[in-house]
């Protein structure tokens, strides 16, 4: 399952909300930053299923940074 909420490594950090996998590039998730539904962000996840890396590359027009998924605790 794709994590729906991500946190950026920016200062201050922002929440990213994933809308789904990109139809153009399936190695990327399409997301929007909290409070900014106009500008699309791409999270490069390489179609992983585990989301166990410490962070992932995020890019958009003129910006590049890292983010990590907010994962639910495993039971």
N, C-alpha and C. Protein backbone atom coordinates (compact mmCIF):
# COMPACT_ATOMS: atom_id res chain seq x y z
N UNK A 1 0.84 -1.18 0.00
CA UNK A 1 0.00 0.00 0.00
C UNK A 1 0.88 1.25 0.00
N UNK A 2 0.52 2.21 -0.79
CA UNK A 2 1.28 3.45 -0.91
C UNK A 2 0.96 4.35 0.29
N UNK A 3 2.00 4.82 1.02
CA UNK A 3 1.74 5.78 2.10
C UNK A 3 1.12 7.06 1.54
N UNK A 4 0.07 7.55 2.16
CA UNK A 4 -0.65 8.73 1.66
C UNK A 4 -0.08 10.04 2.18
N UNK A 5 0.67 10.00 3.30
CA UNK A 5 1.24 11.22 3.88
C UNK A 5 2.76 11.08 3.96
N UNK A 6 3.46 12.12 3.53
CA UNK A 6 4.92 12.15 3.56
C UNK A 6 5.35 13.46 4.23
N UNK A 7 6.55 13.47 4.81
CA UNK A 7 7.12 14.66 5.45
C UNK A 7 8.42 15.02 4.75
N UNK A 8 8.58 16.28 4.38
CA UNK A 8 9.79 16.72 3.69
C UNK A 8 10.93 16.96 4.68
N UNK A 9 12.15 17.02 4.14
CA UNK A 9 13.32 17.32 4.97
C UNK A 9 13.62 18.82 5.00
N UNK A 10 12.72 19.61 4.46
CA UNK A 10 12.91 21.07 4.42
C UNK A 10 12.76 21.66 5.83
N UNK A 11 13.23 22.89 5.98
CA UNK A 11 13.04 23.62 7.24
C UNK A 11 12.28 24.89 6.92
N UNK A 12 11.04 25.01 7.38
CA UNK A 12 10.27 24.04 8.14
C UNK A 12 9.76 22.92 7.22
N UNK A 13 9.53 21.77 7.82
CA UNK A 13 9.04 20.60 7.07
C UNK A 13 7.61 20.84 6.60
N UNK A 14 7.27 20.20 5.48
CA UNK A 14 5.90 20.28 4.96
C UNK A 14 5.33 18.88 4.85
N UNK A 15 4.03 18.77 4.93
CA UNK A 15 3.35 17.51 4.69
C UNK A 15 3.02 17.42 3.20
N UNK A 16 3.25 16.24 2.62
CA UNK A 16 2.88 15.98 1.24
C UNK A 16 1.78 14.93 1.24
N UNK A 17 0.79 15.11 0.37
CA UNK A 17 -0.32 14.18 0.28
C UNK A 17 -0.30 13.51 -1.09
N UNK A 18 -0.13 12.20 -1.08
CA UNK A 18 -0.03 11.43 -2.32
C UNK A 18 -1.42 11.18 -2.88
N UNK A 19 -1.57 11.45 -4.17
CA UNK A 19 -2.84 11.21 -4.87
C UNK A 19 -2.84 9.87 -5.59
N UNK A 20 -1.65 9.35 -5.91
CA UNK A 20 -1.57 8.05 -6.61
C UNK A 20 -0.29 7.93 -7.41
N UNK A 21 -0.20 6.84 -8.16
CA UNK A 21 0.97 6.58 -8.99
C UNK A 21 0.80 7.31 -10.32
N UNK A 22 1.89 7.81 -10.85
CA UNK A 22 1.85 8.53 -12.12
C UNK A 22 1.55 7.57 -13.28
N UNK A 23 0.67 7.97 -14.16
CA UNK A 23 0.38 7.20 -15.36
C UNK A 23 1.46 7.38 -16.41
N UNK A 24 2.20 8.47 -16.33
CA UNK A 24 3.27 8.76 -17.30
C UNK A 24 4.56 8.04 -16.91
N UNK A 25 4.89 8.06 -15.63
CA UNK A 25 6.10 7.42 -15.13
C UNK A 25 5.74 6.61 -13.89
N UNK A 26 5.56 5.29 -14.01
CA UNK A 26 5.13 4.49 -12.87
C UNK A 26 6.15 4.38 -11.74
N UNK A 27 7.36 4.89 -11.94
CA UNK A 27 8.35 4.93 -10.86
C UNK A 27 8.13 6.12 -9.94
N UNK A 28 7.10 6.91 -10.19
CA UNK A 28 6.85 8.13 -9.40
C UNK A 28 5.44 8.16 -8.85
N UNK A 29 5.34 8.78 -7.67
CA UNK A 29 4.05 9.07 -7.06
C UNK A 29 3.74 10.53 -7.29
N UNK A 30 2.49 10.86 -7.48
CA UNK A 30 2.06 12.24 -7.66
C UNK A 30 1.54 12.74 -6.31
N UNK A 31 2.04 13.90 -5.88
CA UNK A 31 1.66 14.44 -4.57
C UNK A 31 1.47 15.95 -4.64
N UNK A 32 0.83 16.48 -3.59
CA UNK A 32 0.65 17.91 -3.43
C UNK A 32 1.08 18.29 -2.02
N UNK A 33 1.69 19.45 -1.88
CA UNK A 33 2.09 19.94 -0.56
C UNK A 33 0.87 20.50 0.16
N UNK A 34 0.89 20.40 1.47
CA UNK A 34 -0.19 20.92 2.29
C UNK A 34 -0.41 22.40 1.97
N UNK A 35 -1.65 22.77 1.68
CA UNK A 35 -1.98 24.16 1.39
C UNK A 35 -1.67 24.61 -0.02
N UNK A 36 -1.21 23.70 -0.89
CA UNK A 36 -0.85 24.08 -2.26
C UNK A 36 -1.30 22.97 -3.23
N UNK A 37 -2.57 22.95 -3.55
CA UNK A 37 -3.11 21.93 -4.44
C UNK A 37 -2.89 22.27 -5.92
N UNK A 38 -2.29 23.42 -6.20
CA UNK A 38 -2.04 23.83 -7.59
C UNK A 38 -0.80 23.20 -8.20
N UNK A 39 0.24 22.98 -7.39
CA UNK A 39 1.52 22.54 -7.92
C UNK A 39 1.77 21.06 -7.59
N UNK A 40 1.97 20.31 -8.62
CA UNK A 40 2.19 18.87 -8.50
C UNK A 40 3.64 18.57 -8.15
N UNK A 41 3.85 17.58 -7.31
CA UNK A 41 5.19 17.10 -6.95
C UNK A 41 5.30 15.64 -7.36
N UNK A 42 6.52 15.20 -7.65
CA UNK A 42 6.76 13.82 -8.00
C UNK A 42 7.69 13.21 -6.96
N UNK A 43 7.28 12.11 -6.35
CA UNK A 43 8.11 11.37 -5.41
C UNK A 43 8.63 10.14 -6.14
N UNK A 44 9.95 10.04 -6.30
CA UNK A 44 10.55 8.91 -7.02
C UNK A 44 10.66 7.74 -6.06
N UNK A 45 9.84 6.71 -6.29
CA UNK A 45 9.84 5.57 -5.37
C UNK A 45 10.24 4.25 -6.04
N UNK A 46 10.51 4.26 -7.34
CA UNK A 46 10.96 3.07 -8.09
C UNK A 46 10.02 1.88 -7.92
N UNK A 47 8.74 2.14 -7.79
CA UNK A 47 7.70 1.09 -7.66
C UNK A 47 7.95 0.15 -6.49
N UNK A 48 8.53 0.66 -5.42
CA UNK A 48 8.79 -0.17 -4.25
C UNK A 48 7.48 -0.57 -3.57
N UNK A 49 7.52 -1.61 -2.79
CA UNK A 49 6.34 -2.03 -2.03
C UNK A 49 6.60 -1.93 -0.53
N UNK A 50 7.86 -1.74 -0.13
CA UNK A 50 8.20 -1.75 1.29
C UNK A 50 8.40 -0.38 1.91
N UNK A 51 8.81 0.61 1.15
CA UNK A 51 9.04 1.97 1.64
C UNK A 51 9.94 1.98 2.87
N UNK A 52 11.07 1.28 2.77
CA UNK A 52 11.98 1.15 3.91
C UNK A 52 13.25 1.99 3.79
N UNK A 53 13.38 2.78 2.73
CA UNK A 53 14.54 3.67 2.63
C UNK A 53 14.34 4.84 3.60
N UNK A 54 15.44 5.47 4.06
CA UNK A 54 15.30 6.59 4.99
C UNK A 54 14.62 7.81 4.38
N UNK A 55 14.78 8.02 3.07
CA UNK A 55 14.09 9.12 2.41
C UNK A 55 14.08 8.89 0.90
N UNK A 56 13.28 9.69 0.21
CA UNK A 56 13.08 9.54 -1.24
C UNK A 56 13.21 10.91 -1.90
N UNK A 57 13.66 10.90 -3.16
CA UNK A 57 13.83 12.14 -3.92
C UNK A 57 12.46 12.68 -4.34
N UNK A 58 12.27 13.99 -4.16
CA UNK A 58 11.05 14.66 -4.58
C UNK A 58 11.45 15.79 -5.53
N UNK A 59 10.72 15.93 -6.62
CA UNK A 59 11.03 17.01 -7.55
C UNK A 59 9.74 17.64 -8.07
N UNK A 60 9.88 18.85 -8.50
CA UNK A 60 8.81 19.60 -9.15
C UNK A 60 9.48 20.68 -9.97
N UNK A 61 8.71 21.51 -10.58
CA UNK A 61 9.27 22.58 -11.39
C UNK A 61 10.11 23.51 -10.51
N UNK A 62 11.42 23.49 -10.71
CA UNK A 62 12.32 24.39 -10.00
C UNK A 62 12.67 23.99 -8.58
N UNK A 63 12.28 22.80 -8.14
CA UNK A 63 12.57 22.39 -6.75
C UNK A 63 12.98 20.92 -6.70
N UNK A 64 13.84 20.63 -5.73
CA UNK A 64 14.27 19.26 -5.51
C UNK A 64 14.63 19.12 -4.04
N UNK A 65 14.09 18.12 -3.38
CA UNK A 65 14.37 17.89 -1.97
C UNK A 65 14.08 16.43 -1.65
N UNK A 66 14.15 16.06 -0.39
CA UNK A 66 13.92 14.68 0.06
C UNK A 66 12.70 14.65 0.97
N UNK A 67 12.05 13.48 1.03
CA UNK A 67 10.91 13.29 1.92
C UNK A 67 10.87 11.84 2.36
N UNK A 68 10.18 11.61 3.46
CA UNK A 68 10.02 10.24 3.97
C UNK A 68 8.54 9.98 4.22
N UNK A 69 8.12 8.74 4.02
CA UNK A 69 6.71 8.43 4.25
C UNK A 69 6.38 8.34 5.73
N UNK A 70 5.15 8.69 6.06
CA UNK A 70 4.64 8.47 7.41
C UNK A 70 3.97 7.11 7.38
N UNK A 71 4.61 6.14 8.03
CA UNK A 71 4.12 4.76 7.99
C UNK A 71 3.34 4.43 9.25
N UNK A 72 2.30 3.65 9.08
CA UNK A 72 1.53 3.17 10.23
C UNK A 72 2.35 2.10 10.93
N UNK A 73 2.27 2.04 12.25
CA UNK A 73 3.03 1.01 12.98
C UNK A 73 2.61 -0.40 12.55
N UNK A 74 3.59 -1.27 12.46
CA UNK A 74 3.30 -2.67 12.11
C UNK A 74 2.80 -3.38 13.35
N UNK A 75 1.74 -4.18 13.18
CA UNK A 75 1.22 -4.90 14.33
C UNK A 75 1.56 -6.36 14.28
